[in-house]
Amino acid sequence: MTTKKIAVLFSGMGTNLENLFLKLHNKTFNDTKLEIALTLCNKEAALGIEKSRRYGVESVILKHESYPQREDFDKKLVEIIRAHDIDLSVLAGFMRILTPYFTKNVKAINVHPSLLPLFKGADAIHKGYASDEKEAGASVHFVNEELDGGEIILQKSFKRTFNMSYEEYEANIHKIEYEILPQAVIKLLT
């Protein structure tokens, strides 16, 4: 049996991180064991740090404010990821725009709360809800130099109802994220 190592990069609550632990960590798919070997966070007060700890993985905290240049931060990220012999890095609410240094040296995917190419960047859920789009959803894509512009791996949508509240809309998006992000990791690593 083969073991594939995953790094999860996050910045906040760690809901997608916890979902990945529940659905993937130390589980076997198609004779491949998946292990979340590294969690990495850029905010020392992020709630996801405690969630990672509960699964026995101590998060590496790398504060981006400590690096004068964006590329310096990314070089340190790449160094840490390489030191852990990671097969796939997963951006799960990692609120940093990464430089080409990162994207050329790390195989990474990202989950985004819209049907890309719609509503790239921050506040995608708010932008989507405020739009006239009749469908909404989430996407998992490869990370490249273009913000939320990498090749799409998986997407799933739902039909928006006329009187849907913002809370219902957001809950539907997160439900889809929790479904397709683990599916994408399994697809790519097994």
C-alpha atoms as a PDB file:
ATOM      1  CA  MET A   1       0.000   0.000   0.000  1.00  0.00           C
ATOM      2  CA  THR A   2       1.150   3.514  -0.845  1.00  0.00           C
ATOM      3  CA  THR A   3       0.853   6.484   1.523  1.00  0.00           C
ATOM      4  CA  LYS A   4       0.272   9.958   0.115  1.00  0.00           C
ATOM      5  CA  LYS A   5       0.948  12.984   2.279  1.00  0.00           C
ATOM      6  CA  ILE A   6      -1.253  16.070   2.271  1.00  0.00           C
ATOM      7  CA  ALA A   7      -0.550  19.572   3.551  1.00  0.00           C
ATOM      8  CA  VAL A   8      -3.547  21.748   4.410  1.00  0.00           C
ATOM      9  CA  LEU A   9      -3.040  25.519   4.454  1.00  0.00           C
ATOM     10  CA  PHE A  10      -5.667  27.613   6.244  1.00  0.00           C
ATOM     11  CA  SER A  11      -6.154  31.040   7.814  1.00  0.00           C
ATOM     12  CA  GLY A  12      -9.299  30.895   9.933  1.00  0.00           C
ATOM     13  CA  MET A  13     -11.894  28.659  11.502  1.00  0.00           C
ATOM     14  CA  GLY A  14     -10.655  25.484   9.857  1.00  0.00           C
ATOM     15  CA  THR A  15     -14.043  24.047   8.894  1.00  0.00           C
ATOM     16  CA  ASN A  16     -12.741  22.667   5.593  1.00  0.00           C
ATOM     17  CA  LEU A  17      -9.606  21.488   7.424  1.00  0.00           C
ATOM     18  CA  GLU A  18     -11.688  19.550   9.961  1.00  0.00           C
ATOM     19  CA  ASN A  19     -13.803  18.086   7.163  1.00  0.00           C
ATOM     20  CA  LEU A  20     -10.632  16.831   5.438  1.00  0.00           C
ATOM     21  CA  PHE A  21      -9.454  15.218   8.681  1.00  0.00           C
ATOM     22  CA  LEU A  22     -12.822  13.473   9.110  1.00  0.00           C
ATOM     23  CA  LYS A  23     -13.088  12.216   5.539  1.00  0.00           C
ATOM     24  CA  LEU A  24      -9.475  11.563   4.513  1.00  0.00           C
ATOM     25  CA  HIS A  25      -6.934  11.400   7.333  1.00  0.00           C
ATOM     26  CA  ASN A  26      -5.448   7.909   7.740  1.00  0.00           C
ATOM     27  CA  LYS A  27      -8.116   6.442   5.458  1.00  0.00           C
ATOM     28  CA  THR A  28      -7.443   4.193   2.481  1.00  0.00           C
ATOM     29  CA  PHE A  29      -8.855   4.667  -1.017  1.00  0.00           C
ATOM     30  CA  ASN A  30      -7.916   2.399  -3.947  1.00  0.00           C
ATOM     31  CA  ASP A  31      -5.014   0.891  -1.973  1.00  0.00           C
ATOM     32  CA  THR A  32      -3.632   4.353  -1.151  1.00  0.00           C
ATOM     33  CA  LYS A  33      -3.564   5.638   2.414  1.00  0.00           C
ATOM     34  CA  LEU A  34      -4.030   9.395   2.752  1.00  0.00           C
ATOM     35  CA  GLU A  35      -2.376  11.240   5.610  1.00  0.00           C
ATOM     36  CA  ILE A  36      -2.649  14.898   6.553  1.00  0.00           C
ATOM     37  CA  ALA A  37       1.007  15.239   7.460  1.00  0.00           C
ATOM     38  CA  LEU A  38       1.151  19.021   7.744  1.00  0.00           C
ATOM     39  CA  THR A  39      -1.219  21.835   8.602  1.00  0.00           C
ATOM     40  CA  LEU A  40       0.045  25.326   8.078  1.00  0.00           C
ATOM     41  CA  CYS A  41      -1.558  28.586   9.166  1.00  0.00           C
ATOM     42  CA  ASN A  42      -0.594  32.230   8.719  1.00  0.00           C
ATOM     43  CA  LYS A  43      -2.611  33.539  11.707  1.00  0.00           C
ATOM     44  CA  GLU A  44      -1.655  32.550  15.241  1.00  0.00           C
ATOM     45  CA  ALA A  45      -5.203  33.059  16.603  1.00  0.00           C
ATOM     46  CA  ALA A  46      -6.937  30.928  13.954  1.00  0.00           C
ATOM     47  CA  LEU A  47      -9.485  28.490  15.381  1.00  0.00           C
ATOM     48  CA  GLY A  48      -8.364  25.788  12.957  1.00  0.00           C
ATOM     49  CA  ILE A  49      -5.119  25.362  14.920  1.00  0.00           C
ATOM     50  CA  GLU A  50      -6.999  23.708  17.788  1.00  0.00           C
ATOM     51  CA  LYS A  51      -8.995  21.560  15.358  1.00  0.00           C
ATOM     52  CA  SER A  52      -5.758  20.276  13.836  1.00  0.00           C
ATOM     53  CA  ARG A  53      -4.335  19.600  17.290  1.00  0.00           C
ATOM     54  CA  ARG A  54      -7.369  17.416  18.112  1.00  0.00           C
ATOM     55  CA  TYR A  55      -6.314  15.116  15.259  1.00  0.00           C
ATOM     56  CA  GLY A  56      -2.747  14.938  16.526  1.00  0.00           C
ATOM     57  CA  VAL A  57      -1.229  17.340  14.009  1.00  0.00           C
ATOM     58  CA  GLU A  58       0.421  20.442  15.441  1.00  0.00           C
ATOM     59  CA  SER A  59       0.036  23.334  12.997  1.00  0.00           C
ATOM     60  CA  VAL A  60       3.061  25.195  11.755  1.00  0.00           C
ATOM     61  CA  ILE A  61       2.323  28.881  12.239  1.00  0.00           C
ATOM     62  CA  LEU A  62       4.003  31.110   9.705  1.00  0.00           C
ATOM     63  CA  LYS A  63       2.955  34.735  10.077  1.00  0.00           C
ATOM     64  CA  HIS A  64       3.099  36.517   6.738  1.00  0.00           C
ATOM     65  CA  GLU A  65       3.649  39.850   8.519  1.00  0.00           C
ATOM     66  CA  SER A  66       7.117  38.594   9.488  1.00  0.00           C
ATOM     67  CA  TYR A  67       8.224  38.643   5.843  1.00  0.00           C
ATOM     68  CA  PRO A  68       8.842  42.000   4.131  1.00  0.00           C
ATOM     69  CA  GLN A  69       8.262  40.581   0.646  1.00  0.00           C
ATOM     70  CA  ARG A  70       5.432  38.302  -0.418  1.00  0.00           C
ATOM     71  CA  GLU A  71       7.918  36.029  -2.225  1.00  0.00           C
ATOM     72  CA  ASP A  72      10.018  35.633   0.945  1.00  0.00           C
ATOM     73  CA  PHE A  73       6.947  34.255   2.727  1.00  0.00           C
ATOM     74  CA  ASP A  74       6.246  31.905  -0.189  1.00  0.00           C
ATOM     75  CA  LYS A  75       9.853  30.658  -0.210  1.00  0.00           C
ATOM     76  CA  LYS A  76       9.501  29.702   3.460  1.00  0.00           C
ATOM     77  CA  LEU A  77       6.165  27.973   2.699  1.00  0.00           C
ATOM     78  CA  VAL A  78       7.789  25.943  -0.078  1.00  0.00           C
ATOM     79  CA  GLU A  79      10.719  25.025   2.190  1.00  0.00           C
ATOM     80  CA  ILE A  80       8.362  23.729   4.909  1.00  0.00           C
ATOM     81  CA  ILE A  81       6.185  21.791   2.451  1.00  0.00           C
ATOM     82  CA  ARG A  82       9.227  20.172   0.834  1.00  0.00           C
ATOM     83  CA  ALA A  83      10.674  19.245   4.248  1.00  0.00           C
ATOM     84  CA  HIS A  84       7.499  17.240   4.952  1.00  0.00           C
ATOM     85  CA  ASP A  85       7.664  15.363   1.627  1.00  0.00           C
ATOM     86  CA  ILE A  86       4.134  16.443   0.680  1.00  0.00           C
ATOM     87  CA  ASP A  87       2.357  14.975  -2.353  1.00  0.00           C
ATOM     88  CA  LEU A  88      -0.449  17.547  -2.528  1.00  0.00           C
ATOM     89  CA  SER A  89      -1.076  20.876  -0.810  1.00  0.00           C
ATOM     90  CA  VAL A  90      -4.677  21.904  -0.220  1.00  0.00           C
ATOM     91  CA  LEU A  91      -5.632  25.534   0.284  1.00  0.00           C
ATOM     92  CA  ALA A  92      -8.693  25.445   2.523  1.00  0.00           C
ATOM     93  CA  GLY A  93      -9.490  29.029   3.388  1.00  0.00           C
ATOM     94  CA  PHE A  94      -5.873  30.154   3.095  1.00  0.00           C
ATOM     95  CA  MET A  95      -6.291  33.880   2.610  1.00  0.00           C
ATOM     96  CA  ARG A  96      -3.069  34.702   0.776  1.00  0.00           C
ATOM     97  CA  ILE A  97      -2.392  35.443  -2.865  1.00  0.00           C
ATOM     98  CA  LEU A  98       0.573  33.241  -3.723  1.00  0.00           C
ATOM     99  CA  THR A  99       3.480  34.244  -5.927  1.00  0.00           C
ATOM    100  CA  PRO A 100       4.814  32.328  -8.935  1.00  0.00           C
ATOM    101  CA  TYR A 101       7.593  31.022  -6.680  1.00  0.00           C
ATOM    102  CA  PHE A 102       4.984  29.002  -4.778  1.00  0.00           C
ATOM    103  CA  THR A 103       2.873  28.006  -7.778  1.00  0.00           C
ATOM    104  CA  LYS A 104       5.867  26.740  -9.761  1.00  0.00           C
ATOM    105  CA  ASN A 105       7.278  24.693  -6.859  1.00  0.00           C
ATOM    106  CA  VAL A 106       4.233  23.205  -5.124  1.00  0.00           C
ATOM    107  CA  LYS A 107       1.399  21.082  -6.493  1.00  0.00           C
ATOM    108  CA  ALA A 108      -1.614  22.716  -4.881  1.00  0.00           C
ATOM    109  CA  ILE A 109      -5.385  22.877  -5.152  1.00  0.00           C
ATOM    110  CA  ASN A 110      -7.853  25.387  -3.766  1.00  0.00           C
ATOM    111  CA  VAL A 111     -11.531  25.312  -2.888  1.00  0.00           C
ATOM    112  CA  HIS A 112     -13.436  28.441  -3.916  1.00  0.00           C
ATOM    113  CA  PRO A 113     -17.034  29.322  -2.972  1.00  0.00           C
ATOM    114  CA  SER A 114     -18.335  30.116  -6.451  1.00  0.00           C
ATOM    115  CA  LEU A 115     -18.789  28.526  -9.836  1.00  0.00           C
ATOM    116  CA  LEU A 116     -15.535  29.736 -11.316  1.00  0.00           C
ATOM    117  CA  PRO A 117     -14.781  31.733 -13.390  1.00  0.00           C
ATOM    118  CA  LEU A 118     -17.530  33.751 -11.652  1.00  0.00           C
ATOM    119  CA  PHE A 119     -16.688  35.803  -8.563  1.00  0.00           C
ATOM    120  CA  LYS A 120     -12.952  35.256  -8.227  1.00  0.00           C
ATOM    121  CA  GLY A 121     -11.107  36.525  -5.166  1.00  0.00           C
ATOM    122  CA  ALA A 122     -12.386  37.565  -1.765  1.00  0.00           C
ATOM    123  CA  ASP A 123     -16.057  37.876  -0.774  1.00  0.00           C
ATOM    124  CA  ALA A 124     -17.219  35.441  -3.450  1.00  0.00           C
ATOM    125  CA  ILE A 125     -20.231  34.337  -1.407  1.00  0.00           C
ATOM    126  CA  HIS A 126     -21.418  37.925  -0.917  1.00  0.00           C
ATOM    127  CA  LYS A 127     -20.827  38.740  -4.587  1.00  0.00           C
ATOM    128  CA  GLY A 128     -22.683  35.629  -5.703  1.00  0.00           C
ATOM    129  CA  TYR A 129     -25.624  36.254  -3.417  1.00  0.00           C
ATOM    130  CA  ALA A 130     -25.902  39.863  -4.609  1.00  0.00           C
ATOM    131  CA  SER A 131     -25.885  38.757  -8.254  1.00  0.00           C
ATOM    132  CA  ASP A 132     -28.754  37.687 -10.494  1.00  0.00           C
ATOM    133  CA  GLU A 133     -27.226  34.235 -11.093  1.00  0.00           C
ATOM    134  CA  LYS A 134     -29.803  31.440 -10.870  1.00  0.00           C
ATOM    135  CA  GLU A 135     -27.196  28.834  -9.905  1.00  0.00           C
ATOM    136  CA  ALA A 136     -24.460  28.941  -7.319  1.00  0.00           C
ATOM    137  CA  GLY A 137     -21.935  26.494  -5.976  1.00  0.00           C
ATOM    138  CA  ALA A 138     -18.275  25.801  -5.336  1.00  0.00           C
ATOM    139  CA  SER A 139     -15.194  24.846  -7.326  1.00  0.00           C
ATOM    140  CA  VAL A 140     -11.955  23.008  -6.660  1.00  0.00           C
ATOM    141  CA  HIS A 141      -9.141  24.072  -8.955  1.00  0.00           C
ATOM    142  CA  PHE A 142      -5.394  23.829  -9.355  1.00  0.00           C
ATOM    143  CA  VAL A 143      -3.477  26.800  -7.997  1.00  0.00           C
ATOM    144  CA  ASN A 144      -1.560  28.764 -10.605  1.00  0.00           C
ATOM    145  CA  GLU A 145      -0.298  32.326 -11.078  1.00  0.00           C
ATOM    146  CA  GLU A 146      -3.777  33.692 -11.808  1.00  0.00           C
ATOM    147  CA  LEU A 147      -6.000  34.279  -8.779  1.00  0.00           C
ATOM    148  CA  ASP A 148      -8.644  31.520  -8.791  1.00  0.00           C
ATOM    149  CA  GLY A 149      -7.700  30.877 -12.410  1.00  0.00           C
ATOM    150  CA  GLY A 150      -6.236  27.364 -12.425  1.00  0.00           C
ATOM    151  CA  GLU A 151      -7.747  24.379 -14.199  1.00  0.00           C
ATOM    152  CA  ILE A 152     -11.007  23.286 -12.574  1.00  0.00           C
ATOM    153  CA  ILE A 153     -10.941  19.791 -11.070  1.00  0.00           C
ATOM    154  CA  LEU A 154     -14.500  19.602  -9.711  1.00  0.00           C
ATOM    155  CA  GLN A 155     -17.532  21.878  -9.530  1.00  0.00           C
ATOM    156  CA  LYS A 156     -20.980  21.370  -8.132  1.00  0.00           C
ATOM    157  CA  SER A 157     -23.952  23.712  -8.167  1.00  0.00           C
ATOM    158  CA  PHE A 158     -27.399  24.183  -6.690  1.00  0.00           C
ATOM    159  CA  LYS A 159     -30.446  26.054  -7.976  1.00  0.00           C
ATOM    160  CA  ARG A 160     -31.089  29.254  -6.167  1.00  0.00           C
ATOM    161  CA  THR A 161     -34.660  29.852  -5.032  1.00  0.00           C
ATOM    162  CA  PHE A 162     -36.335  33.242  -5.282  1.00  0.00           C
ATOM    163  CA  ASN A 163     -36.651  33.802  -1.534  1.00  0.00           C
ATOM    164  CA  MET A 164     -33.427  32.103  -0.380  1.00  0.00           C
ATOM    165  CA  SER A 165     -31.839  33.871   2.578  1.00  0.00           C
ATOM    166  CA  TYR A 166     -28.148  34.707   2.658  1.00  0.00           C
ATOM    167  CA  GLU A 167     -27.681  32.134   5.451  1.00  0.00           C
ATOM    168  CA  GLU A 168     -29.288  29.358   3.367  1.00  0.00           C
ATOM    169  CA  TYR A 169     -27.224  30.368   0.343  1.00  0.00           C
ATOM    170  CA  GLU A 170     -23.970  30.297   2.337  1.00  0.00           C
ATOM    171  CA  ALA A 171     -24.862  26.964   4.006  1.00  0.00           C
ATOM    172  CA  ASN A 172     -25.475  25.379   0.580  1.00  0.00           C
ATOM    173  CA  ILE A 173     -22.075  26.592  -0.658  1.00  0.00           C
ATOM    174  CA  HIS A 174     -20.254  25.202   2.386  1.00  0.00           C
ATOM    175  CA  LYS A 175     -22.098  21.878   2.088  1.00  0.00           C
ATOM    176  CA  ILE A 176     -20.813  21.576  -1.484  1.00  0.00           C
ATOM    177  CA  GLU A 177     -17.272  22.564  -0.456  1.00  0.00           C
ATOM    178  CA  TYR A 178     -17.273  19.804   2.198  1.00  0.00           C
ATOM    179  CA  GLU A 179     -18.318  17.316  -0.474  1.00  0.00           C
ATOM    180  CA  ILE A 180     -16.118  18.200  -3.436  1.00  0.00           C
ATOM    181  CA  LEU A 181     -12.826  19.103  -1.737  1.00  0.00           C
ATOM    182  CA  PRO A 182     -12.239  15.582  -0.334  1.00  0.00           C
ATOM    183  CA  GLN A 183     -13.448  14.099  -3.643  1.00  0.00           C
ATOM    184  CA  ALA A 184     -10.864  16.148  -5.530  1.00  0.00           C
ATOM    185  CA  VAL A 185      -8.045  15.037  -3.201  1.00  0.00           C
ATOM    186  CA  ILE A 186      -9.038  11.366  -3.620  1.00  0.00           C
ATOM    187  CA  LYS A 187      -9.264  11.806  -7.389  1.00  0.00           C
ATOM    188  CA  LEU A 188      -5.797  13.354  -7.605  1.00  0.00           C
ATOM    189  CA  LEU A 189      -3.949  11.092  -5.163  1.00  0.00           C
ATOM    190  CA  THR A 190      -5.512   7.691  -5.779  1.00  0.00           C
END
